[in-house]
C-alpha atoms as a PDB file:
ATOM      1  CA  MET A   1      21.647   7.840  11.199  1.00  0.00           C
ATOM      2  CA  ALA A   2      21.241   9.371   7.853  1.00  0.00           C
ATOM      3  CA  PRO A   3      18.756  12.213   7.427  1.00  0.00           C
ATOM      4  CA  LEU A   4      15.243  11.379   6.835  1.00  0.00           C
ATOM      5  CA  PRO A   5      14.162  11.734   2.971  1.00  0.00           C
ATOM      6  CA  GLU A   6      12.316  14.641   1.929  1.00  0.00           C
ATOM      7  CA  VAL A   7       9.257  12.981   1.038  1.00  0.00           C
ATOM      8  CA  ARG A   8       9.723  11.280   5.032  1.00  0.00           C
ATOM      9  CA  LEU A   9       9.132  14.636   6.242  1.00  0.00           C
ATOM     10  CA  GLY A  10       5.573  15.441   5.952  1.00  0.00           C
ATOM     11  CA  SER A  11       5.236  19.007   3.976  1.00  0.00           C
ATOM     12  CA  SER A  12       1.750  18.064   2.553  1.00  0.00           C
ATOM     13  CA  LEU A  13      -1.187  18.010   5.017  1.00  0.00           C
ATOM     14  CA  GLN A  14      -2.842  15.329   2.958  1.00  0.00           C
ATOM     15  CA  SER A  15      -2.645  12.019   4.251  1.00  0.00           C
ATOM     16  CA  PHE A  16      -1.574   9.615   2.002  1.00  0.00           C
ATOM     17  CA  ALA A  17       0.027  12.481  -0.140  1.00  0.00           C
ATOM     18  CA  CYS A  18       3.311  10.655  -0.402  1.00  0.00           C
ATOM     19  CA  CYS A  19       2.356   6.753  -0.059  1.00  0.00           C
ATOM     20  CA  GLY A  20       4.431   3.460  -0.112  1.00  0.00           C
ATOM     21  CA  VAL A  21       3.249   0.214  -1.362  1.00  0.00           C
ATOM     22  CA  ASP A  22       4.286  -3.310  -0.920  1.00  0.00           C
ATOM     23  CA  PHE A  23       2.777  -6.634  -0.955  1.00  0.00           C
ATOM     24  CA  ALA A  24       3.092  -9.671   1.195  1.00  0.00           C
ATOM     25  CA  GLY A  25       1.506 -13.707   1.246  1.00  0.00           C
ATOM     26  CA  PRO A  26       0.118 -15.496  -0.196  1.00  0.00           C
ATOM     27  CA  PHE A  27      -2.987 -16.220   1.989  1.00  0.00           C
ATOM     28  CA  VAL A  28      -4.422 -19.191   0.762  1.00  0.00           C
ATOM     29  CA  VAL A  29      -8.472 -19.431   0.643  1.00  0.00           C
ATOM     30  CA  LYS A  30     -11.065 -21.683  -0.234  1.00  0.00           C
ATOM     31  CA  ILE A  31     -13.195 -21.146  -3.410  1.00  0.00           C
ATOM     32  CA  THR A  32     -15.074 -24.504  -3.589  1.00  0.00           C
ATOM     33  CA  ARG A  33     -14.838 -27.710  -0.304  1.00  0.00           C
ATOM     34  CA  LYS A  34     -11.758 -28.309  -3.069  1.00  0.00           C
ATOM     35  CA  VAL A  35     -10.566 -25.645  -5.558  1.00  0.00           C
ATOM     36  CA  SER A  36      -8.426 -22.883  -3.387  1.00  0.00           C
ATOM     37  CA  ALA A  37      -6.926 -19.931  -4.321  1.00  0.00           C
ATOM     38  CA  LYS A  38      -4.241 -17.359  -3.602  1.00  0.00           C
ATOM     39  CA  ARG A  39      -4.397 -14.128  -2.451  1.00  0.00           C
ATOM     40  CA  TYR A  40      -2.284 -11.068  -1.683  1.00  0.00           C
ATOM     41  CA  LEU A  41      -2.166  -8.236   0.796  1.00  0.00           C
ATOM     42  CA  CYS A  42      -1.190  -5.208  -1.057  1.00  0.00           C
ATOM     43  CA  LEU A  43      -0.345  -2.621   1.840  1.00  0.00           C
ATOM     44  CA  PHE A  44      -0.532   1.180   1.247  1.00  0.00           C
ATOM     45  CA  THR A  45       1.604   3.341   3.923  1.00  0.00           C
ATOM     46  CA  CYS A  46       1.643   7.391   4.282  1.00  0.00           C
ATOM     47  CA  ALA A  47       5.370   8.240   3.898  1.00  0.00           C
ATOM     48  CA  SER A  48       4.802  10.904   6.750  1.00  0.00           C
ATOM     49  CA  THR A  49       2.206   9.723   9.346  1.00  0.00           C
ATOM     50  CA  ARG A  50       2.452   6.271   8.944  1.00  0.00           C
ATOM     51  CA  ALA A  51      -0.913   5.354   8.548  1.00  0.00           C
ATOM     52  CA  VAL A  52      -1.650   2.157   6.422  1.00  0.00           C
ATOM     53  CA  HIS A  53      -4.461   1.162   4.200  1.00  0.00           C
ATOM     54  CA  LEU A  54      -4.405  -2.612   3.814  1.00  0.00           C
ATOM     55  CA  GLU A  55      -6.432  -4.349   0.228  1.00  0.00           C
ATOM     56  CA  VAL A  56      -6.589  -7.767  -0.783  1.00  0.00           C
ATOM     57  CA  ALA A  57      -4.793  -8.556  -3.886  1.00  0.00           C
ATOM     58  CA  PHE A  58      -6.310 -11.620  -5.751  1.00  0.00           C
ATOM     59  CA  SER A  59      -3.352 -12.367  -8.175  1.00  0.00           C
ATOM     60  CA  LEU A  60      -0.056 -10.476  -8.694  1.00  0.00           C
ATOM     61  CA  ASP A  61      -0.231  -9.297 -12.043  1.00  0.00           C
ATOM     62  CA  THR A  62      -0.815  -5.687 -13.185  1.00  0.00           C
ATOM     63  CA  ALA A  63      -4.630  -5.350 -13.645  1.00  0.00           C
ATOM     64  CA  SER A  64      -5.132  -6.683 -10.064  1.00  0.00           C
ATOM     65  CA  PHE A  65      -2.896  -4.137  -8.654  1.00  0.00           C
ATOM     66  CA  LEU A  66      -4.233  -1.382 -10.527  1.00  0.00           C
ATOM     67  CA  ASN A  67      -7.943  -2.453  -8.756  1.00  0.00           C
ATOM     68  CA  ALA A  68      -6.446  -2.540  -5.568  1.00  0.00           C
ATOM     69  CA  PHE A  69      -4.577   1.077  -6.001  1.00  0.00           C
ATOM     70  CA  SER A  70      -7.858   2.120  -7.480  1.00  0.00           C
ATOM     71  CA  ARG A  71      -9.441   1.388  -4.437  1.00  0.00           C
ATOM     72  CA  MET A  72      -6.901   2.697  -2.011  1.00  0.00           C
ATOM     73  CA  VAL A  73      -7.320   6.041  -4.122  1.00  0.00           C
ATOM     74  CA  ALA A  74     -11.370   5.974  -3.567  1.00  0.00           C
ATOM     75  CA  ARG A  75     -10.959   5.917  -0.009  1.00  0.00           C
ATOM     76  CA  ARG A  76      -7.706   8.044   0.842  1.00  0.00           C
ATOM     77  CA  GLY A  77      -7.608  10.522  -1.757  1.00  0.00           C
ATOM     78  CA  LYS A  78      -4.942  10.293  -4.852  1.00  0.00           C
ATOM     79  CA  PRO A  79      -1.009  10.300  -3.903  1.00  0.00           C
ATOM     80  CA  ASP A  80       1.378  13.026  -5.124  1.00  0.00           C
ATOM     81  CA  VAL A  81       3.964  10.159  -5.278  1.00  0.00           C
ATOM     82  CA  MET A  82       3.659   6.402  -4.549  1.00  0.00           C
ATOM     83  CA  ILE A  83       7.240   4.998  -3.458  1.00  0.00           C
ATOM     84  CA  SER A  84       7.842   0.825  -4.220  1.00  0.00           C
ATOM     85  CA  ASP A  85      10.117  -1.863  -5.300  1.00  0.00           C
ATOM     86  CA  ASN A  86      10.959  -2.341  -8.343  1.00  0.00           C
ATOM     87  CA  GLY A  87       8.211  -5.374  -8.360  1.00  0.00           C
ATOM     88  CA  THR A  88       7.383  -6.258 -12.211  1.00  0.00           C
ATOM     89  CA  ASN A  89       3.659  -5.742 -11.170  1.00  0.00           C
ATOM     90  CA  PHE A  90       4.366  -2.103 -10.131  1.00  0.00           C
ATOM     91  CA  THR A  91       6.696  -1.439 -12.673  1.00  0.00           C
ATOM     92  CA  SER A  92       4.267  -2.085 -15.622  1.00  0.00           C
ATOM     93  CA  ALA A  93       1.492  -0.344 -13.483  1.00  0.00           C
ATOM     94  CA  ASP A  94       3.232   2.710 -13.631  1.00  0.00           C
ATOM     95  CA  ARG A  95       4.030   1.874 -17.856  1.00  0.00           C
ATOM     96  CA  GLU A  96       0.440   1.505 -17.886  1.00  0.00           C
ATOM     97  CA  LEU A  97      -0.565   4.445 -16.241  1.00  0.00           C
ATOM     98  CA  ARG A  98       1.734   6.707 -18.088  1.00  0.00           C
ATOM     99  CA  ASP A  99       0.118   4.985 -21.279  1.00  0.00           C
ATOM    100  CA  LEU A 100      -2.959   5.491 -20.211  1.00  0.00           C
ATOM    101  CA  VAL A 101      -2.439   9.652 -20.064  1.00  0.00           C
ATOM    102  CA  LEU A 102      -0.620   9.548 -23.226  1.00  0.00           C
ATOM    103  CA  ALA A 103      -3.639   8.088 -25.042  1.00  0.00           C
ATOM    104  CA  LEU A 104      -6.275  10.770 -23.355  1.00  0.00           C
ATOM    105  CA  ASP A 105      -6.484  14.176 -24.422  1.00  0.00           C
ATOM    106  CA  GLN A 106      -3.247  16.186 -24.744  1.00  0.00           C
ATOM    107  CA  ALA A 107      -5.245  19.440 -23.644  1.00  0.00           C
ATOM    108  CA  GLN A 108      -7.887  18.155 -20.822  1.00  0.00           C
ATOM    109  CA  ILE A 109      -4.952  16.815 -19.833  1.00  0.00           C
ATOM    110  CA  LYS A 110      -2.587  20.117 -19.324  1.00  0.00           C
ATOM    111  CA  GLU A 111      -6.059  21.678 -17.861  1.00  0.00           C
ATOM    112  CA  ASN A 112      -5.755  19.226 -15.506  1.00  0.00           C
ATOM    113  CA  ALA A 113      -1.918  18.411 -14.792  1.00  0.00           C
ATOM    114  CA  THR A 114      -1.353  20.136 -11.788  1.00  0.00           C
ATOM    115  CA  SER A 115      -3.694  18.177  -9.678  1.00  0.00           C
ATOM    116  CA  ASP A 116      -4.258  14.572 -11.864  1.00  0.00           C
ATOM    117  CA  ARG A 117      -0.387  13.678 -11.901  1.00  0.00           C
ATOM    118  CA  ILE A 118       1.363  10.961  -9.872  1.00  0.00           C
ATOM    119  CA  GLN A 119       5.466  10.994  -9.410  1.00  0.00           C
ATOM    120  CA  TRP A 120       6.162   7.089  -8.999  1.00  0.00           C
ATOM    121  CA  ARG A 121       9.812   6.356  -7.519  1.00  0.00           C
ATOM    122  CA  PHE A 122      11.397   3.238  -7.676  1.00  0.00           C
ATOM    123  CA  ASN A 123      13.640   2.188  -4.542  1.00  0.00           C
ATOM    124  CA  PRO A 124      17.033   1.041  -6.089  1.00  0.00           C
ATOM    125  CA  PRO A 125      17.068  -2.399  -7.074  1.00  0.00           C
ATOM    126  CA  GLY A 126      20.359  -3.085  -4.802  1.00  0.00           C
ATOM    127  CA  GLY A 127      18.787  -1.269  -1.766  1.00  0.00           C
ATOM    128  CA  SER A 128      16.424  -3.585  -0.329  1.00  0.00           C
ATOM    129  CA  HIS A 129      16.930  -0.854   3.181  1.00  0.00           C
ATOM    130  CA  HIS A 130      15.023   1.774   1.071  1.00  0.00           C
ATOM    131  CA  GLY A 131      11.854   0.003   1.836  1.00  0.00           C
ATOM    132  CA  GLY A 132      12.587  -0.516   5.230  1.00  0.00           C
ATOM    133  CA  LEU A 133       9.620   1.578   6.573  1.00  0.00           C
ATOM    134  CA  LEU A 134       7.311  -1.388   4.690  1.00  0.00           C
ATOM    135  CA  GLU A 135       9.028  -4.117   5.223  1.00  0.00           C
ATOM    136  CA  SER A 136       8.252  -3.450   9.432  1.00  0.00           C
ATOM    137  CA  LEU A 137       4.737  -3.051   8.718  1.00  0.00           C
ATOM    138  CA  ILE A 138       4.119  -5.659   6.409  1.00  0.00           C
ATOM    139  CA  LYS A 139       5.656  -7.939   9.407  1.00  0.00           C
ATOM    140  CA  SER A 140       3.755  -6.322  11.690  1.00  0.00           C
ATOM    141  CA  ALA A 141       0.348  -7.286   9.641  1.00  0.00           C
ATOM    142  CA  LYS A 142       1.341 -10.650   8.621  1.00  0.00           C
ATOM    143  CA  LYS A 143       2.008 -11.496  12.380  1.00  0.00           C
ATOM    144  CA  ALA A 144      -1.588  -9.611  13.088  1.00  0.00           C
ATOM    145  CA  LEU A 145      -3.206 -11.557  10.576  1.00  0.00           C
ATOM    146  CA  ARG A 146      -1.438 -14.995  11.377  1.00  0.00           C
ATOM    147  CA  SER A 147      -2.791 -14.106  14.954  1.00  0.00           C
ATOM    148  CA  ILE A 148      -6.480 -14.083  13.412  1.00  0.00           C
ATOM    149  CA  LEU A 149      -6.772 -16.401  10.828  1.00  0.00           C
ATOM    150  CA  GLY A 150      -3.951 -18.995  12.094  1.00  0.00           C
ATOM    151  CA  GLU A 151      -3.367 -21.551   9.379  1.00  0.00           C
ATOM    152  CA  SER A 152      -7.155 -22.080   8.394  1.00  0.00           C
ATOM    153  CA  LYS A 153      -7.730 -22.023   4.851  1.00  0.00           C
ATOM    154  CA  THR A 154     -10.826 -19.522   4.598  1.00  0.00           C
ATOM    155  CA  THR A 155     -13.228 -17.567   2.801  1.00  0.00           C
ATOM    156  CA  ASP A 156     -12.576 -14.389   0.546  1.00  0.00           C
ATOM    157  CA  GLU A 157     -15.293 -13.008   2.926  1.00  0.00           C
ATOM    158  CA  GLU A 158     -13.334 -13.988   6.131  1.00  0.00           C
ATOM    159  CA  LEU A 159     -10.242 -13.009   4.602  1.00  0.00           C
ATOM    160  CA  LEU A 160     -11.411  -9.427   3.805  1.00  0.00           C
ATOM    161  CA  THR A 161     -12.818  -8.949   7.278  1.00  0.00           C
ATOM    162  CA  ALA A 162      -9.662 -10.279   8.779  1.00  0.00           C
ATOM    163  CA  VAL A 163      -7.356  -7.720   6.785  1.00  0.00           C
ATOM    164  CA  VAL A 164     -10.337  -4.721   7.873  1.00  0.00           C
ATOM    165  CA  GLU A 165      -9.227  -5.782  11.499  1.00  0.00           C
ATOM    166  CA  VAL A 166      -5.692  -5.500  11.099  1.00  0.00           C
ATOM    167  CA  GLU A 167      -5.710  -1.967   9.674  1.00  0.00           C
ATOM    168  CA  GLY A 168      -7.754  -1.021  12.170  1.00  0.00           C
ATOM    169  CA  ILE A 169      -4.838  -2.592  14.677  1.00  0.00           C
ATOM    170  CA  LEU A 170      -2.324  -1.250  12.950  1.00  0.00           C
ATOM    171  CA  ASN A 171      -3.923   2.021  12.967  1.00  0.00           C
ATOM    172  CA  ALA A 172      -4.462   1.876  16.567  1.00  0.00           C
ATOM    173  CA  ARG A 173      -0.773   1.901  17.648  1.00  0.00           C
ATOM    174  CA  PRO A 174       0.780   5.332  18.632  1.00  0.00           C
ATOM    175  CA  LEU A 175       2.637   7.046  15.844  1.00  0.00           C
ATOM    176  CA  THR A 176       4.711   9.219  17.781  1.00  0.00           C
ATOM    177  CA  TYR A 177       6.693   9.011  20.964  1.00  0.00           C
ATOM    178  CA  CYS A 178       4.479   8.021  24.157  1.00  0.00           C
ATOM    179  CA  SER A 179       5.572  10.377  27.298  1.00  0.00           C
ATOM    180  CA  SER A 180       5.226   8.764  30.417  1.00  0.00           C
ATOM    181  CA  ASP A 181       5.233  12.847  31.792  1.00  0.00           C
ATOM    182  CA  PRO A 182       1.329  12.913  32.659  1.00  0.00           C
ATOM    183  CA  ASN A 183       1.615  16.532  31.794  1.00  0.00           C
ATOM    184  CA  ASP A 184       2.284  15.819  27.825  1.00  0.00           C
END
């Protein structure tokens, strides 16, 4: 096995300092008796501790991802590095964040630049194995959501509740090897 990438080694003491993101879904929710809509699971994971933060995205566009990203940053703190695949919503979000930075006052940015920048890294387009960390967590999250929801159409509120429960389940798993030695 090749050595782990440097961002996975936990050089920062803050969780979610290096964060990966991926989407899953769609999950169908009912709006009214005859109207339904698709919702998507946005999974953020800390690259060093593998802790999970789940958000519901209301579509796959850039604005919806930026809203989910803002909610994650408000709860977990701003990451230094973001890792994702080359999805158009992620590449557009990276471009929009850069454009927003350029539109702001450059002098003020220089004062706060060291703590406010986020480096975005995209996995190579042909390297699906680079996102293995995210894909295994997506699989676990989808399996837990399907166990809770089944195939029924739920409301947005029920989906949000189930997503928070799944986040709790995923974060309750052991993050390291559990020894059978009672002295450990």
